[in-house]
PDB file of N, CA and C in Angstrom:
ATOM      1  N   UNK A   1     -30.676   3.789   2.455  1.00  0.00           N
ATOM      2  CA  UNK A   1     -31.926   4.504   2.339  1.00  0.00           C
ATOM      3  C   UNK A   1     -32.140   5.421   3.534  1.00  0.00           C
ATOM      4  N   UNK A   2     -31.795   4.925   4.702  1.00  0.00           N
ATOM      5  CA  UNK A   2     -31.996   5.747   5.904  1.00  0.00           C
ATOM      6  C   UNK A   2     -31.201   7.041   5.828  1.00  0.00           C
ATOM      7  N   UNK A   3     -29.987   6.942   5.295  1.00  0.00           N
ATOM      8  CA  UNK A   3     -29.159   8.141   5.198  1.00  0.00           C
ATOM      9  C   UNK A   3     -29.748   9.128   4.198  1.00  0.00           C
ATOM     10  N   UNK A   4     -30.303   8.619   3.108  1.00  0.00           N
ATOM     11  CA  UNK A   4     -30.935   9.511   2.128  1.00  0.00           C
ATOM     12  C   UNK A   4     -32.158  10.191   2.714  1.00  0.00           C
ATOM     13  N   UNK A   5     -32.979   9.426   3.394  1.00  0.00           N
ATOM     14  CA  UNK A   5     -34.196   9.983   3.995  1.00  0.00           C
ATOM     15  C   UNK A   5     -33.843  11.022   5.061  1.00  0.00           C
ATOM     16  N   UNK A   6     -32.760  10.757   5.807  1.00  0.00           N
ATOM     17  CA  UNK A   6     -32.341  11.682   6.858  1.00  0.00           C
ATOM     18  C   UNK A   6     -31.663  12.926   6.283  1.00  0.00           C
ATOM     19  N   UNK A   7     -31.418  12.943   4.967  1.00  0.00           N
ATOM     20  CA  UNK A   7     -30.808  14.108   4.337  1.00  0.00           C
ATOM     21  C   UNK A   7     -29.298  14.122   4.416  1.00  0.00           C
ATOM     22  N   UNK A   8     -28.694  12.992   4.793  1.00  0.00           N
ATOM     23  CA  UNK A   8     -27.240  12.935   4.874  1.00  0.00           C
ATOM     24  C   UNK A   8     -26.647  12.803   3.472  1.00  0.00           C
ATOM     25  N   UNK A   9     -25.403  13.192   3.360  1.00  0.00           N
ATOM     26  CA  UNK A   9     -24.705  13.118   2.082  1.00  0.00           C
ATOM     27  C   UNK A   9     -24.042  11.753   1.970  1.00  0.00           C
ATOM     28  N   UNK A  10     -24.249  11.102   0.822  1.00  0.00           N
ATOM     29  CA  UNK A  10     -23.567   9.842   0.561  1.00  0.00           C
ATOM     30  C   UNK A  10     -22.201  10.162  -0.011  1.00  0.00           C
ATOM     31  N   UNK A  11     -21.174   9.574   0.549  1.00  0.00           N
ATOM     32  CA  UNK A  11     -19.806   9.884   0.160  1.00  0.00           C
ATOM     33  C   UNK A  11     -19.227   8.712  -0.620  1.00  0.00           C
ATOM     34  N   UNK A  12     -19.552   8.654  -1.921  1.00  0.00           N
ATOM     35  CA  UNK A  12     -19.030   7.606  -2.790  1.00  0.00           C
ATOM     36  C   UNK A  12     -18.131   8.247  -3.834  1.00  0.00           C
ATOM     37  N   UNK A  13     -16.983   7.610  -4.131  1.00  0.00           N
ATOM     38  CA  UNK A  13     -16.108   8.181  -5.156  1.00  0.00           C
ATOM     39  C   UNK A  13     -16.717   8.014  -6.544  1.00  0.00           C
ATOM     40  N   UNK A  14     -16.412   8.953  -7.408  1.00  0.00           N
ATOM     41  CA  UNK A  14     -16.879   8.869  -8.788  1.00  0.00           C
ATOM     42  C   UNK A  14     -15.934   7.957  -9.575  1.00  0.00           C
ATOM     43  N   UNK A  15     -16.337   7.596 -10.777  1.00  0.00           N
ATOM     44  CA  UNK A  15     -15.482   6.775 -11.637  1.00  0.00           C
ATOM     45  C   UNK A  15     -14.183   7.522 -11.920  1.00  0.00           C
ATOM     46  N   UNK A  16     -14.258   8.818 -12.135  1.00  0.00           N
ATOM     47  CA  UNK A  16     -13.056   9.622 -12.382  1.00  0.00           C
ATOM     48  C   UNK A  16     -12.125   9.585 -11.169  1.00  0.00           C
ATOM     49  N   UNK A  17     -12.697   9.644  -9.956  1.00  0.00           N
ATOM     50  CA  UNK A  17     -11.876   9.554  -8.739  1.00  0.00           C
ATOM     51  C   UNK A  17     -11.166   8.205  -8.670  1.00  0.00           C
ATOM     52  N   UNK A  18     -11.874   7.122  -8.981  1.00  0.00           N
ATOM     53  CA  UNK A  18     -11.292   5.789  -8.934  1.00  0.00           C
ATOM     54  C   UNK A  18     -10.173   5.632  -9.966  1.00  0.00           C
ATOM     55  N   UNK A  19     -10.388   6.156 -11.170  1.00  0.00           N
ATOM     56  CA  UNK A  19      -9.366   6.077 -12.221  1.00  0.00           C
ATOM     57  C   UNK A  19      -8.136   6.883 -11.826  1.00  0.00           C
ATOM     58  N   UNK A  20      -8.343   8.065 -11.273  1.00  0.00           N
ATOM     59  CA  UNK A  20      -7.219   8.900 -10.850  1.00  0.00           C
ATOM     60  C   UNK A  20      -6.428   8.220  -9.734  1.00  0.00           C
ATOM     61  N   UNK A  21      -7.107   7.585  -8.785  1.00  0.00           N
ATOM     62  CA  UNK A  21      -6.426   6.893  -7.692  1.00  0.00           C
ATOM     63  C   UNK A  21      -5.623   5.708  -8.219  1.00  0.00           C
ATOM     64  N   UNK A  22      -6.178   4.956  -9.157  1.00  0.00           N
ATOM     65  CA  UNK A  22      -5.470   3.814  -9.733  1.00  0.00           C
ATOM     66  C   UNK A  22      -4.262   4.279 -10.539  1.00  0.00           C
ATOM     67  N   UNK A  23      -4.403   5.350 -11.290  1.00  0.00           N
ATOM     68  CA  UNK A  23      -3.286   5.894 -12.059  1.00  0.00           C
ATOM     69  C   UNK A  23      -2.177   6.335 -11.119  1.00  0.00           C
ATOM     70  N   UNK A  24      -2.532   6.991 -10.034  1.00  0.00           N
ATOM     71  CA  UNK A  24      -1.537   7.443  -9.048  1.00  0.00           C
ATOM     72  C   UNK A  24      -0.852   6.244  -8.405  1.00  0.00           C
ATOM     73  N   UNK A  25      -1.620   5.206  -8.078  1.00  0.00           N
ATOM     74  CA  UNK A  25      -1.060   4.008  -7.444  1.00  0.00           C
ATOM     75  C   UNK A  25      -0.057   3.332  -8.373  1.00  0.00           C
ATOM     76  N   UNK A  26      -0.363   3.286  -9.661  1.00  0.00           N
ATOM     77  CA  UNK A  26       0.537   2.638 -10.621  1.00  0.00           C
ATOM     78  C   UNK A  26       1.795   3.457 -10.861  1.00  0.00           C
ATOM     79  N   UNK A  27       1.731   4.775 -10.685  1.00  0.00           N
ATOM     80  CA  UNK A  27       2.893   5.632 -10.905  1.00  0.00           C
ATOM     81  C   UNK A  27       3.790   5.731  -9.680  1.00  0.00           C
ATOM     82  N   UNK A  28       3.275   5.398  -8.498  1.00  0.00           N
ATOM     83  CA  UNK A  28       4.078   5.452  -7.278  1.00  0.00           C
ATOM     84  C   UNK A  28       5.077   4.296  -7.272  1.00  0.00           C
ATOM     85  N   UNK A  29       6.294   4.542  -6.776  1.00  0.00           N
ATOM     86  CA  UNK A  29       7.259   3.441  -6.689  1.00  0.00           C
ATOM     87  C   UNK A  29       6.785   2.434  -5.642  1.00  0.00           C
ATOM     88  N   UNK A  30       7.130   1.161  -5.825  1.00  0.00           N
ATOM     89  CA  UNK A  30       6.698   0.156  -4.844  1.00  0.00           C
ATOM     90  C   UNK A  30       7.387   0.395  -3.505  1.00  0.00           C
ATOM     91  N   UNK A  31       6.738   0.046  -2.409  1.00  0.00           N
ATOM     92  CA  UNK A  31       7.359   0.248  -1.100  1.00  0.00           C
ATOM     93  C   UNK A  31       8.585  -0.654  -0.947  1.00  0.00           C
ATOM     94  N   UNK A  32       9.563  -0.151  -0.248  1.00  0.00           N
ATOM     95  CA  UNK A  32      10.790  -0.922  -0.032  1.00  0.00           C
ATOM     96  C   UNK A  32      10.547  -1.974   1.050  1.00  0.00           C
ATOM     97  N   UNK A  33      10.965  -3.173   0.775  1.00  0.00           N
ATOM     98  CA  UNK A  33      10.830  -4.254   1.754  1.00  0.00           C
ATOM     99  C   UNK A  33      11.989  -4.173   2.738  1.00  0.00           C
ATOM    100  N   UNK A  34      11.674  -4.343   3.997  1.00  0.00           N
ATOM    101  CA  UNK A  34      12.723  -4.350   5.010  1.00  0.00           C
ATOM    102  C   UNK A  34      13.377  -5.727   5.033  1.00  0.00           C
ATOM    103  N   UNK A  35      14.694  -5.781   5.221  1.00  0.00           N
ATOM    104  CA  UNK A  35      15.351  -7.082   5.290  1.00  0.00           C
ATOM    105  C   UNK A  35      14.873  -7.855   6.525  1.00  0.00           C
ATOM    106  N   UNK A  36      14.828  -9.154   6.374  1.00  0.00           N
ATOM    107  CA  UNK A  36      14.394 -10.013   7.481  1.00  0.00           C
ATOM    108  C   UNK A  36      15.534 -10.114   8.485  1.00  0.00           C
ATOM    109  N   UNK A  37      15.221  -9.823   9.727  1.00  0.00           N
ATOM    110  CA  UNK A  37      16.230  -9.912  10.780  1.00  0.00           C
ATOM    111  C   UNK A  37      16.079 -11.255  11.478  1.00  0.00           C
ATOM    112  N   UNK A  38      17.170 -11.987  11.532  1.00  0.00           N
ATOM    113  CA  UNK A  38      17.164 -13.293  12.192  1.00  0.00           C
ATOM    114  C   UNK A  38      18.150 -13.238  13.353  1.00  0.00           C
ATOM    115  N   UNK A  39      17.642 -13.139  14.567  1.00  0.00           N
ATOM    116  CA  UNK A  39      18.543 -12.994  15.716  1.00  0.00           C
ATOM    117  C   UNK A  39      19.397 -14.236  15.975  1.00  0.00           C
ATOM    118  N   UNK A  40      19.003 -15.410  15.464  1.00  0.00           N
ATOM    119  CA  UNK A  40      19.775 -16.619  15.738  1.00  0.00           C
ATOM    120  C   UNK A  40      20.981 -16.767  14.807  1.00  0.00           C
ATOM    121  N   UNK A  41      21.109 -15.925  13.781  1.00  0.00           N
ATOM    122  CA  UNK A  41      22.232 -15.996  12.856  1.00  0.00           C
ATOM    123  C   UNK A  41      23.224 -14.884  13.183  1.00  0.00           C
ATOM    124  N   UNK A  42      24.511 -15.169  13.022  1.00  0.00           N
ATOM    125  CA  UNK A  42      25.511 -14.119  13.285  1.00  0.00           C
ATOM    126  C   UNK A  42      25.393 -13.004  12.257  1.00  0.00           C
ATOM    127  N   UNK A  43      25.707 -11.804  12.664  1.00  0.00           N
ATOM    128  CA  UNK A  43      25.642 -10.662  11.767  1.00  0.00           C
ATOM    129  C   UNK A  43      26.928 -10.500  10.990  1.00  0.00           C
ATOM    130  N   UNK A  44      26.942  -9.552  10.096  1.00  0.00           N
ATOM    131  CA  UNK A  44      28.136  -9.250   9.331  1.00  0.00           C
ATOM    132  C   UNK A  44      28.148  -9.942   7.982  1.00  0.00           C
ATOM    133  N   UNK A  45      29.251  -9.774   7.279  1.00  0.00           N
ATOM    134  CA  UNK A  45      29.389 -10.345   5.935  1.00  0.00           C
ATOM    135  C   UNK A  45      29.568 -11.860   6.020  1.00  0.00           C
ATOM    136  N   UNK A  46      29.038 -12.547   5.039  1.00  0.00           N
ATOM    137  CA  UNK A  46      29.183 -14.006   4.971  1.00  0.00           C
ATOM    138  C   UNK A  46      30.367 -14.348   4.087  1.00  0.00           C
ATOM    139  N   UNK A  47      31.068 -15.437   4.375  1.00  0.00           N
ATOM    140  CA  UNK A  47      32.189 -15.813   3.529  1.00  0.00           C
ATOM    141  C   UNK A  47      31.723 -16.267   2.154  1.00  0.00           C
ATOM    142  N   UNK A  48      32.595 -16.113   1.169  1.00  0.00           N
ATOM    143  CA  UNK A  48      32.293 -16.515  -0.200  1.00  0.00           C
ATOM    144  C   UNK A  48      32.364 -18.044  -0.308  1.00  0.00           C
ATOM    145  N   UNK A  49      31.386 -18.683  -0.996  1.00  0.00           N
ATOM    146  CA  UNK A  49      31.431 -20.142  -1.103  1.00  0.00           C
ATOM    147  C   UNK A  49      32.471 -20.647  -2.106  1.00  0.00           C
ATOM    148  N   UNK A  50      33.174 -19.745  -2.796  1.00  0.00           N
ATOM    149  CA  UNK A  50      34.138 -20.159  -3.825  1.00  0.00           C
ATOM    150  C   UNK A  50      35.370 -20.730  -3.273  1.00  0.00           C
TER     151      UNK A  50
END
């Protein structure tokens, strides 16, 4: 209310803005996960258990 009385602009997204953001989020590829680095394990290829 104080912001309205002071004449400030309320910056709320519209329903169309929210739908567009959700559509964009669903179309974006998922972020790539970085492999977990474990300094206590030796690096390089692991032997085959066969």
